[in-house]
Protein backbone atom coordinates (compact mmCIF):
# COMPACT_ATOMS: atom_id res chain seq x y z
CA MET A 1 -23.21 210.23 -112.98
CA LYS A 2 -19.98 212.05 -112.89
CA ILE A 3 -16.15 210.99 -113.02
CA TYR A 4 -13.87 212.56 -110.14
CA LEU A 5 -10.08 212.66 -110.48
CA LEU A 6 -8.82 212.05 -107.33
CA GLY A 7 -5.22 211.20 -106.85
CA GLY A 8 -4.70 209.93 -110.38
CA ILE A 9 -7.02 207.61 -109.99
CA LEU A 10 -10.93 208.03 -111.67
CA LEU A 11 -13.47 207.64 -109.15
CA LEU A 12 -17.17 207.48 -110.28
CA PHE A 13 -20.15 208.94 -108.25
CA ALA A 14 -23.33 209.24 -107.84
CA PHE A 15 -25.86 212.32 -107.62
CA THR A 16 -28.99 213.47 -107.55
CA ALA A 17 -31.49 215.44 -109.99
CA SER A 18 -29.88 218.95 -108.19
CA GLY A 19 -26.36 217.13 -108.48
CA GLN A 20 -25.53 215.96 -105.22
CA MET A 21 -23.62 213.39 -104.62
CA THR A 22 -25.37 209.76 -102.46
CA SER A 23 -22.13 207.79 -103.06
CA GLY A 24 -21.51 208.62 -98.81
CA LEU A 25 -24.83 207.75 -98.15
CA THR A 26 -22.99 204.26 -97.60
CA GLY A 27 -26.04 203.30 -94.88
CA LYS A 28 -23.26 201.62 -92.53
CA ARG A 29 -21.71 203.54 -90.08
CA ASP A 30 -18.40 204.78 -90.45
CA THR A 31 -16.04 204.03 -86.86
CA SER A 32 -13.12 205.01 -87.86
CA TYR A 33 -13.34 207.71 -85.49
CA THR A 34 -13.03 206.42 -81.85
CA ASN A 35 -11.96 207.35 -78.35
CA TYR A 36 -9.40 205.34 -78.78
CA SER A 37 -8.21 205.67 -82.44
CA ALA A 38 -7.28 209.65 -81.17
CA TYR A 39 -5.55 207.56 -78.61
CA GLU A 40 -3.32 205.84 -80.50
CA SER A 41 -3.25 207.80 -83.18
CA THR A 42 -2.01 211.03 -80.82
CA ARG A 43 0.26 209.25 -78.03
CA LYS A 44 2.59 208.56 -81.22
CA GLN A 45 3.69 212.76 -81.47
CA HIS A 46 2.37 213.02 -76.81
CA PRO A 47 3.09 209.54 -75.31
CA ASP A 48 2.50 210.69 -72.03
CA ILE A 49 -1.30 211.02 -72.62
CA LYS A 50 -4.02 209.54 -70.48
CA LEU A 51 -7.41 208.96 -72.99
CA VAL A 52 -9.84 209.32 -69.82
CA ARG A 53 -12.61 207.03 -69.26
CA GLU A 54 -16.30 207.25 -67.98
CA ASN A 55 -16.35 207.11 -64.06
CA LEU A 56 -19.04 207.84 -63.00
CA PRO A 57 -19.03 209.99 -59.29
CA PRO A 58 -20.99 209.47 -56.70
CA THR A 59 -23.02 212.20 -56.47
CA VAL A 60 -24.67 211.74 -60.98
CA GLN A 61 -27.28 209.67 -61.88
CA GLU A 62 -28.35 208.25 -65.21
CA LYS A 63 -30.31 207.05 -67.22
CA ARG A 64 -28.84 205.63 -70.91
CA ASN A 65 -30.93 204.88 -74.31
CA ILE A 66 -33.26 206.88 -74.12
CA THR A 67 -34.81 207.59 -77.43
CA TYR A 68 -36.11 211.88 -78.38
CA CYS A 69 -37.23 211.77 -81.83
CA LYS A 70 -37.87 209.09 -84.44
CA ILE A 71 -37.47 209.83 -87.62
CA GLY A 72 -40.35 206.25 -89.41
CA GLU A 73 -38.01 203.93 -88.29
CA ARG A 74 -34.82 205.72 -87.52
CA SER A 75 -34.50 206.42 -83.13
CA LEU A 76 -32.54 208.63 -82.17
CA GLN A 77 -30.96 208.08 -78.70
CA LEU A 78 -29.36 210.20 -75.53
CA ASP A 79 -28.42 209.95 -72.60
CA ALA A 80 -28.79 211.80 -69.67
CA PHE A 81 -26.33 212.67 -66.28
CA TYR A 82 -27.48 214.18 -63.49
CA PRO A 83 -27.16 215.55 -59.83
CA LYS A 84 -28.60 212.58 -58.13
CA LYS A 85 -29.44 215.14 -55.06
CA LYS A 86 -32.46 216.88 -55.73
CA THR A 87 -33.01 220.60 -54.95
CA ASN A 88 -35.62 223.17 -55.56
CA LYS A 89 -33.52 224.78 -57.48
CA LYS A 90 -33.57 224.12 -61.26
CA THR A 91 -31.03 222.83 -63.12
CA PRO A 92 -28.81 224.48 -66.09
CA ALA A 93 -28.54 221.92 -68.48
CA ILE A 94 -25.99 220.58 -71.46
CA LEU A 95 -25.83 219.20 -74.95
CA LEU A 96 -23.05 217.28 -75.70
CA ILE A 97 -22.54 216.95 -79.13
CA HIS A 98 -19.38 214.82 -80.64
CA GLY A 99 -17.32 214.98 -83.18
CA GLY A 100 -16.21 213.01 -86.08
CA GLY A 101 -16.45 214.74 -89.10
CA TRP A 102 -19.59 214.26 -89.59
CA ARG A 103 -19.11 211.00 -90.93
CA SER A 104 -17.66 208.95 -87.59
CA GLY A 105 -17.42 209.44 -83.89
CA ASN A 106 -20.91 208.66 -81.28
CA ARG A 107 -22.54 209.37 -78.57
CA GLY A 108 -20.77 208.07 -75.45
CA GLN A 109 -17.46 209.82 -76.49
CA HIS A 110 -18.40 212.87 -74.93
CA ILE A 111 -19.83 210.47 -71.87
CA PRO A 112 -16.51 211.11 -69.05
CA LEU A 113 -16.88 214.71 -70.28
CA ALA A 114 -20.71 214.55 -69.33
CA GLN A 115 -20.43 213.17 -65.99
CA GLN A 116 -17.52 215.10 -64.36
CA LEU A 117 -19.87 218.21 -65.64
CA ALA A 118 -22.84 216.62 -63.79
CA ALA A 119 -21.30 216.61 -61.12
CA ARG A 120 -20.80 220.13 -61.14
CA GLY A 121 -24.75 221.02 -60.66
CA TYR A 122 -24.93 220.74 -64.60
CA ALA A 123 -28.69 218.13 -66.08
CA CYS A 124 -25.73 216.71 -69.00
CA PHE A 125 -26.70 214.90 -72.38
CA THR A 126 -24.96 212.98 -75.16
CA ALA A 127 -27.05 213.04 -78.08
CA GLU A 128 -26.94 210.67 -81.10
CA TYR A 129 -27.70 212.96 -84.30
CA ARG A 130 -27.44 211.21 -88.00
CA LEU A 131 -24.44 210.96 -89.76
CA SER A 132 -23.64 211.79 -93.45
CA THR A 133 -24.05 207.92 -93.89
CA GLU A 134 -27.01 208.10 -93.38
CA ALA A 135 -28.05 211.58 -94.24
CA LEU A 136 -26.79 214.86 -95.51
CA TYR A 137 -26.62 218.31 -94.30
CA PRO A 138 -28.56 220.17 -92.70
CA ALA A 139 -30.35 216.82 -91.30
CA PRO A 140 -27.94 217.22 -88.12
CA VAL A 141 -29.36 220.33 -87.57
CA HIS A 142 -32.75 219.25 -87.55
CA ASP A 143 -31.64 216.89 -85.39
CA LEU A 144 -30.09 218.23 -82.63
CA LYS A 145 -32.45 221.08 -82.59
CA ALA A 146 -34.94 218.53 -81.80
CA ALA A 147 -33.29 216.89 -78.34
CA LEU A 148 -33.02 220.46 -77.20
CA ARG A 149 -37.15 220.61 -77.34
CA TRP A 150 -36.84 217.24 -75.89
CA LEU A 151 -34.83 218.87 -73.23
CA ARG A 152 -37.98 220.81 -72.72
CA ALA A 153 -40.82 218.69 -73.00
CA ASN A 154 -38.62 216.68 -70.39
CA ALA A 155 -37.50 219.56 -68.22
CA LYS A 156 -39.74 218.48 -65.52
CA GLU A 157 -38.24 214.93 -65.40
CA PHE A 158 -34.59 215.97 -64.95
CA ASN A 159 -34.99 219.32 -62.68
CA LEU A 160 -34.75 221.52 -65.73
CA ASP A 161 -33.52 225.15 -65.74
CA THR A 162 -35.40 225.80 -69.63
CA ALA A 163 -34.15 229.13 -69.45
CA LYS A 164 -30.55 228.16 -68.68
CA ILE A 165 -29.32 225.15 -71.71
CA ALA A 166 -26.00 225.04 -73.87
CA ALA A 167 -24.88 223.29 -76.47
CA LEU A 168 -21.67 222.14 -76.49
CA GLY A 169 -19.52 220.50 -78.98
CA PHE A 170 -16.56 218.67 -79.93
CA SER A 171 -14.52 219.25 -83.55
CA ALA A 172 -17.47 218.34 -85.92
CA GLY A 173 -19.71 218.50 -83.36
CA GLY A 174 -18.12 222.48 -82.14
CA GLU A 175 -20.03 223.44 -85.08
CA LEU A 176 -22.84 222.20 -85.28
CA ALA A 177 -23.27 223.24 -81.41
CA ALA A 178 -21.95 227.37 -83.08
CA PHE A 179 -24.36 226.19 -85.50
CA ILE A 180 -27.57 225.85 -83.39
CA GLY A 181 -26.51 228.58 -81.52
CA THR A 182 -26.57 231.00 -83.83
CA THR A 183 -29.39 229.84 -86.34
CA ASN A 184 -31.36 230.26 -82.60
CA LYS A 185 -35.30 231.78 -83.09
CA ASN A 186 -34.61 230.39 -87.20
CA LYS A 187 -37.16 228.39 -88.24
CA LYS A 188 -35.49 227.31 -91.34
CA TYR A 189 -33.21 224.80 -89.31
CA GLU A 190 -36.11 223.30 -87.14
CA GLY A 191 -36.81 220.61 -89.48
CA GLU A 192 -39.90 218.25 -89.02
CA ASN A 193 -39.61 215.76 -86.69
CA CYS A 194 -40.57 215.61 -82.86
CA GLN A 195 -41.74 218.42 -80.34
CA LEU A 196 -42.80 220.66 -82.43
CA LYS A 197 -43.85 223.37 -79.92
CA PHE A 198 -40.87 223.57 -77.87
CA SER A 199 -37.70 226.13 -78.25
CA SER A 200 -34.91 224.81 -79.66
CA GLN A 201 -33.45 227.90 -78.36
CA ILE A 202 -30.18 228.01 -76.34
CA GLN A 203 -28.26 229.87 -74.06
CA ALA A 204 -24.85 229.48 -74.06
CA ILE A 205 -22.36 227.39 -76.84
CA VAL A 206 -18.92 226.10 -76.16
CA ASP A 207 -17.67 224.77 -79.26
CA ILE A 208 -13.84 223.15 -78.89
CA ASP A 209 -11.79 223.03 -81.78
CA GLY A 210 -14.69 223.49 -84.51
CA THR A 211 -15.04 225.39 -87.17
CA LEU A 212 -16.79 228.75 -87.65
CA SER A 213 -16.62 228.57 -91.26
CA PHE A 214 -16.14 226.60 -94.52
CA VAL A 215 -14.96 228.90 -96.37
CA HIS A 216 -13.10 231.27 -94.24
CA PRO A 217 -9.45 232.27 -96.00
CA GLU A 218 -8.14 229.86 -92.87
CA SER A 219 -10.12 226.91 -92.72
CA GLY A 220 -9.69 223.87 -94.19
CA GLU A 221 -12.16 222.52 -95.11
CA GLY A 222 -12.84 220.82 -98.42
CA ASN A 223 -9.93 219.38 -100.14
CA ASP A 224 -10.81 216.89 -101.92
CA SER A 225 -7.12 216.71 -104.23
CA ARG A 226 -6.35 213.06 -102.57
CA SER A 227 -9.62 211.95 -101.60
CA ILE A 228 -13.34 213.46 -100.31
CA SER A 229 -13.33 214.68 -97.19
CA ALA A 230 -16.09 214.32 -94.47
CA ALA A 231 -17.47 217.87 -95.71
CA THR A 232 -18.07 217.27 -99.30
CA TYR A 233 -19.69 214.39 -97.88
CA TRP A 234 -21.70 215.62 -95.35
CA PHE A 235 -22.90 218.91 -98.34
CA GLY A 236 -22.95 216.28 -101.51
CA PHE A 237 -21.09 218.90 -102.82
CA PRO A 238 -17.88 219.39 -103.69
CA LYS A 239 -16.81 223.44 -102.93
CA LYS A 240 -16.40 224.71 -105.53
CA GLU A 241 -19.80 223.31 -107.06
CA ASN A 242 -22.23 224.60 -104.22
CA PRO A 243 -20.00 227.37 -102.81
CA ALA A 244 -23.35 229.26 -101.23
CA LEU A 245 -24.12 225.51 -99.64
CA TRP A 246 -20.69 225.52 -97.47
CA ASP A 247 -20.96 229.39 -96.80
CA GLU A 248 -24.69 229.13 -95.54
CA ALA A 249 -23.95 225.87 -93.20
CA SER A 250 -20.74 228.42 -91.59
CA PRO A 251 -22.11 229.62 -88.35
CA LEU A 252 -20.04 232.77 -88.59
CA LYS A 253 -23.01 232.93 -91.73
CA HIS A 254 -25.59 233.28 -88.83
CA VAL A 255 -23.89 235.38 -85.59
CA GLY A 256 -25.55 238.53 -84.75
CA GLU A 257 -28.13 239.68 -82.53
CA ASN A 258 -29.52 236.00 -81.58
CA THR A 259 -26.18 234.55 -80.84
CA PRO A 260 -25.70 233.23 -77.08
CA PRO A 261 -22.45 233.93 -75.53
CA ILE A 262 -20.00 231.35 -76.26
CA LEU A 263 -16.65 229.49 -75.49
CA PHE A 264 -13.88 228.84 -77.82
CA LEU A 265 -11.26 225.84 -76.00
CA ASN A 266 -8.98 225.76 -79.21
CA SER A 267 -5.79 223.43 -79.16
CA SER A 268 -2.62 224.67 -81.69
CA VAL A 269 -4.20 223.42 -84.56
CA ASP A 270 -5.32 226.84 -86.01
CA ARG A 271 -7.27 226.08 -88.92
CA MET A 272 -10.51 223.93 -85.93
CA HIS A 273 -10.20 227.60 -85.29
CA ALA A 274 -11.00 229.32 -88.61
CA GLY A 275 -12.78 232.64 -88.14
CA ARG A 276 -12.97 232.64 -85.13
CA GLU A 277 -11.85 236.54 -84.65
CA ASP A 278 -14.27 237.94 -87.13
CA PHE A 279 -17.12 235.65 -85.55
CA ARG A 280 -15.45 238.12 -81.91
CA ARG A 281 -15.82 240.67 -83.97
CA GLU A 282 -19.81 240.43 -84.90
CA LEU A 283 -20.29 239.86 -81.04
CA ASP A 284 -18.92 242.30 -79.66
CA LYS A 285 -20.46 244.44 -81.70
CA HIS A 286 -24.35 243.47 -80.17
CA HIS A 287 -22.65 243.59 -77.32
CA ILE A 288 -22.75 239.57 -76.67
CA TYR A 289 -19.96 237.59 -74.51
CA SER A 290 -17.21 235.79 -75.66
CA GLU A 291 -13.68 233.75 -74.55
CA VAL A 292 -10.93 231.97 -76.13
CA GLN A 293 -8.76 229.74 -73.74
CA ALA A 294 -6.33 227.64 -75.92
CA PHE A 295 -3.91 224.99 -75.41
CA PRO A 296 -1.07 225.72 -76.46
CA ASP A 297 1.11 222.67 -78.36
CA ALA A 298 -2.11 220.47 -77.81
CA PRO A 299 -3.23 218.36 -80.31
CA HIS A 300 -6.79 217.66 -82.02
CA SER A 301 -8.10 215.63 -79.91
CA PHE A 302 -7.43 216.97 -76.53
CA CYS A 303 -9.82 216.81 -74.17
CA LEU A 304 -9.88 213.20 -74.61
CA PHE A 305 -7.57 213.19 -72.74
CA GLU A 306 -4.76 214.57 -69.63
CA PRO A 307 -3.46 216.73 -69.08
CA TRP A 308 -6.18 218.97 -71.21
CA PHE A 309 -9.38 217.30 -70.13
CA THR A 310 -9.68 218.49 -66.00
CA PRO A 311 -8.99 222.41 -67.37
CA THR A 312 -11.32 221.90 -70.21
CA VAL A 313 -14.05 220.73 -67.89
CA ASN A 314 -13.03 223.55 -65.60
CA TYR A 315 -13.29 226.15 -68.34
CA ILE A 316 -16.54 224.95 -68.75
CA ALA A 317 -17.56 225.14 -65.70
CA GLY A 318 -16.30 229.02 -64.84
CA PHE A 319 -17.87 230.41 -68.04
CA LEU A 320 -21.02 228.67 -68.20
CA GLY A 321 -21.26 229.65 -64.27
CA LYS A 322 -20.79 233.35 -65.47
CA VAL A 323 -22.61 233.54 -68.17
CA PHE A 324 -25.56 231.71 -66.16
CA ARG A 325 -25.34 233.75 -63.83
CA GLN A 326 -26.22 236.75 -65.80
């Protein structure tokens, strides 16, 4: 046990023998971040926004609640949205990763985005992953790489082009998408479960307001002065107690020759793209394409609402069309 002083209140936390905090492993789903809660919060400053809801286009078909991996008794699931029209040409795929501070959120939050991108000709999969109420870092990385391996294992069913797979994520999901891409071909982060004979490699990243570094001077992650931060819960260590782990979990730490092209879609919240320019400079060294599209005055959760949702879809489709043609 350790005692922390937070906001003038003494709190007692449980830790493992290695010093990793386990108090956040409640085993109960954290439902604090939803599309509607984000809408209620955001419309105070942006009263004209419209929450985008599910609306399956007539050209798109879906399959829901598909188990992509079992870890003990735990079934991890995803939903699929893909073009109805059968063609001889293989379909590029997108794995969509929700946000919520690695602790909240759910895979259904980006179903509207998956539906609209599927209407543009992409096979889209919204995947759940273990949150920090259930498992600590790097469990979500292992889960999502397993989801990518599942896509390749089931490519025939969905007519997938396994050489054209993108990871797309928002907020914490954007960080995870970037981490997955920067650790292409790095067996350390594969985990030990599900479809291990298949590759988890991706060929494009779409990072929607997801941090690239937990330790960059511009980063706002890890401030525990008022309450335990989302990142501290995820790592099980405050930043000052294990800075090496916080650095290791940063996509910026791993960017290099195996990193695929990346699209950054950013709000007006500067800390959400901490390390972006350093990241792009590393890409430039390896002649890897990157693109930035920013929405001035947009809130962090902009991709859930109009007037930003439709241009978000357009930017993603334009970027993937460009890099997958190459």
